Amino acid sequence: MEKRKRNRKQTDHEVVTQETVPTLVPTEPVVIPLIHENLQVEKQWVEAGEVVIRKRVEARTETVPVELGFEEVQVERVPVNRVLADGETLAPRQEGDTLVIPVVEEELVVLKRRVLREEVRVSKQRMMRQEQVSDVVRSEQIDVETTGRLQTQPETPSLPT
């Protein structure tokens, strides 16, 4: 029987085998080995990177126009000079948006009598003025950093606070 010569050449995933087949002798059976390789794959979790989230507070000054209501008082003095009857009393009264406050004084005469000298009319008007209000407002922002092969989803807009 002849010698078998075997040459092996190995790459990353396959092995090539060459054999020299002996000369056949009619009485002996020829045995040819068949080689089959299997690929076995395992997997495991490894750290691909990390996510660093920093929270920061941004401060900014906002100026907001604010409309404020206020009242102004106008005082009008109206001379009346009417002598009051005995026992007549005068009380403040409302005439529309105007408050009428009678002012009385005594006048020296042979007879003492009360005289309505004048009325003070006080009215008010509702006015508006613009003012600027400024203060510092804060909003929180985050910065996301990744390392390694780690990928993050795109940021979604945050809701206002």
Protein backbone atom coordinates (compact mmCIF):
# COMPACT_ATOMS: atom_id res chain seq x y z
CA MET A 1 0.00 0.00 0.00
CA GLU A 2 1.19 3.49 -0.74
CA LYS A 3 1.72 6.14 1.83
CA ARG A 4 -0.82 8.82 2.12
CA LYS A 5 0.40 12.32 1.92
CA ARG A 6 -1.65 14.90 3.73
CA ASN A 7 -1.29 18.67 3.36
CA ARG A 8 -3.37 20.97 5.59
CA LYS A 9 -3.93 24.61 5.02
CA GLN A 10 -5.99 26.47 7.62
CA THR A 11 -7.73 29.83 7.25
CA ASP A 12 -10.06 31.63 9.67
CA HIS A 13 -13.12 29.47 9.04
CA GLU A 14 -12.19 26.55 6.88
CA VAL A 15 -9.71 23.79 6.68
CA VAL A 16 -8.72 22.43 3.25
CA THR A 17 -7.43 18.90 3.22
CA GLN A 18 -5.63 17.32 0.28
CA GLU A 19 -4.96 13.67 0.22
CA THR A 20 -3.15 11.46 -2.19
CA VAL A 21 -5.39 8.55 -3.02
CA PRO A 22 -3.55 5.22 -3.16
CA THR A 23 -3.54 3.15 -6.24
CA LEU A 24 -6.49 0.79 -6.08
CA VAL A 25 -5.83 -2.78 -5.57
CA PRO A 26 -8.88 -4.81 -6.63
CA THR A 27 -9.14 -6.86 -3.46
CA GLU A 28 -8.84 -4.09 -0.91
CA PRO A 29 -11.63 -1.56 -0.31
CA VAL A 30 -10.66 2.09 -0.49
CA VAL A 31 -11.57 4.25 2.52
CA ILE A 32 -11.85 7.99 1.94
CA PRO A 33 -12.41 10.02 5.10
CA LEU A 34 -14.92 12.90 4.85
CA ILE A 35 -14.43 15.73 7.27
CA HIS A 36 -17.20 18.09 8.25
CA GLU A 37 -16.70 21.18 10.38
CA ASN A 38 -19.33 22.95 12.47
CA LEU A 39 -19.25 26.59 13.44
CA GLN A 40 -20.21 27.29 17.05
CA VAL A 41 -21.11 30.88 17.93
CA GLU A 42 -21.53 32.18 21.46
CA LYS A 43 -22.57 35.65 22.52
CA GLN A 44 -22.25 37.63 25.72
CA TRP A 45 -23.14 41.09 26.99
CA VAL A 46 -20.27 43.56 26.99
CA GLU A 47 -20.25 47.25 27.84
CA ALA A 48 -20.66 49.24 24.62
CA GLY A 49 -20.32 52.64 26.26
CA GLU A 50 -22.18 54.85 28.69
CA VAL A 51 -24.67 57.70 28.71
CA VAL A 52 -23.86 60.77 30.76
CA ILE A 53 -26.82 63.06 31.48
CA ARG A 54 -26.14 66.45 33.02
CA LYS A 55 -28.90 68.65 34.29
CA ARG A 56 -28.32 72.38 34.18
CA VAL A 57 -30.48 75.35 35.01
CA GLU A 58 -30.47 78.25 32.63
CA ALA A 59 -31.55 81.63 34.00
CA ARG A 60 -32.71 84.47 31.82
CA THR A 61 -34.43 87.77 32.49
CA GLU A 62 -37.85 88.16 30.99
CA THR A 63 -39.70 91.46 30.66
CA VAL A 64 -43.46 91.16 30.51
CA PRO A 65 -45.80 94.11 29.94
CA VAL A 66 -48.51 94.23 32.62
CA GLU A 67 -51.56 96.45 32.49
CA LEU A 68 -52.48 97.85 35.91
CA GLY A 69 -55.74 99.54 36.81
CA PHE A 70 -55.80 102.52 39.14
CA GLU A 71 -58.18 105.23 40.18
CA GLU A 72 -57.73 108.98 40.16
CA VAL A 73 -59.79 111.35 42.27
CA GLN A 74 -60.96 114.73 41.04
CA VAL A 75 -62.26 117.19 43.56
CA GLU A 76 -64.62 119.90 42.30
CA ARG A 77 -65.80 122.61 44.65
CA VAL A 78 -69.28 123.92 43.73
CA PRO A 79 -70.47 127.09 45.57
CA VAL A 80 -74.12 126.77 46.75
CA ASN A 81 -74.61 129.50 49.40
CA ARG A 82 -78.09 128.39 50.47
CA VAL A 83 -79.38 128.88 53.98
CA LEU A 84 -80.50 125.63 55.57
CA ALA A 85 -83.87 125.39 57.27
CA ASP A 86 -83.97 124.72 60.99
CA GLY A 87 -83.29 121.04 61.66
CA GLU A 88 -82.26 120.37 58.06
CA THR A 89 -79.34 117.97 57.88
CA LEU A 90 -77.18 117.16 54.94
CA ALA A 91 -75.56 113.80 54.33
CA PRO A 92 -73.16 112.72 51.60
CA ARG A 93 -74.94 111.35 48.54
CA GLN A 94 -74.07 109.53 45.34
CA GLU A 95 -74.84 111.10 41.97
CA GLY A 96 -73.78 108.61 39.30
CA ASP A 97 -70.02 108.10 39.64
CA THR A 98 -69.72 111.21 41.83
CA LEU A 99 -69.88 111.32 45.63
CA VAL A 100 -71.32 114.66 46.81
CA ILE A 101 -70.18 115.71 50.29
CA PRO A 102 -71.94 118.81 51.61
CA VAL A 103 -69.72 121.26 53.49
CA VAL A 104 -71.51 123.53 55.94
CA GLU A 105 -70.32 126.39 58.05
CA GLU A 106 -71.86 128.80 60.42
CA GLU A 107 -72.26 132.36 59.34
CA LEU A 108 -72.51 135.20 61.84
CA VAL A 109 -75.78 137.05 61.55
CA VAL A 110 -78.17 138.55 64.03
CA LEU A 111 -79.69 135.14 63.97
CA LYS A 112 -77.55 132.13 63.88
CA ARG A 113 -78.38 129.88 60.92
CA ARG A 114 -76.65 127.24 58.94
CA VAL A 115 -75.75 127.99 55.37
CA LEU A 116 -74.72 125.45 52.75
CA ARG A 117 -71.66 127.22 51.54
CA GLU A 118 -70.47 124.70 48.97
CA GLU A 119 -70.48 121.03 48.02
CA VAL A 120 -67.43 119.04 47.36
CA ARG A 121 -67.91 116.68 44.44
CA VAL A 122 -65.53 113.76 44.33
CA SER A 123 -65.54 111.49 41.32
CA LYS A 124 -63.13 108.86 40.14
CA GLN A 125 -62.17 107.49 36.77
CA ARG A 126 -60.70 104.12 36.01
CA MET A 127 -57.42 104.56 34.15
CA MET A 128 -54.88 102.17 32.62
CA ARG A 129 -51.11 102.45 32.31
CA GLN A 130 -48.38 100.20 30.95
CA GLU A 131 -45.55 99.06 33.17
CA GLN A 132 -42.67 96.67 32.57
CA VAL A 133 -42.15 93.79 34.99
CA SER A 134 -38.77 92.05 34.92
CA ASP A 135 -37.62 89.00 36.85
CA VAL A 136 -35.36 85.99 36.41
CA VAL A 137 -37.03 82.80 35.18
CA ARG A 138 -35.32 79.41 35.04
CA SER A 139 -35.71 76.42 32.77
CA GLU A 140 -33.91 73.10 33.07
CA GLN A 141 -32.00 71.65 30.13
CA ILE A 142 -30.12 68.35 29.77
CA ASP A 143 -27.03 67.47 27.75
CA VAL A 144 -26.57 63.80 26.73
CA GLU A 145 -23.09 62.46 25.95
CA THR A 146 -22.32 58.90 24.85
CA THR A 147 -19.06 57.00 24.66
CA GLY A 148 -18.01 53.88 22.76
CA ARG A 149 -20.39 52.38 20.24
CA LEU A 150 -23.49 53.41 22.21
CA GLN A 151 -26.16 55.24 20.21
CA THR A 152 -29.14 57.14 21.61
CA GLN A 153 -32.55 57.90 20.16
CA PRO A 154 -33.05 61.43 18.77
CA GLU A 155 -34.18 63.95 21.36
CA THR A 156 -37.87 64.74 21.56
CA PRO A 157 -38.91 68.33 22.33
CA SER A 158 -39.59 68.95 26.00
CA LEU A 159 -42.85 70.35 27.30
CA PRO A 160 -42.94 73.80 28.65
CA THR A 161 -42.95 74.18 32.39
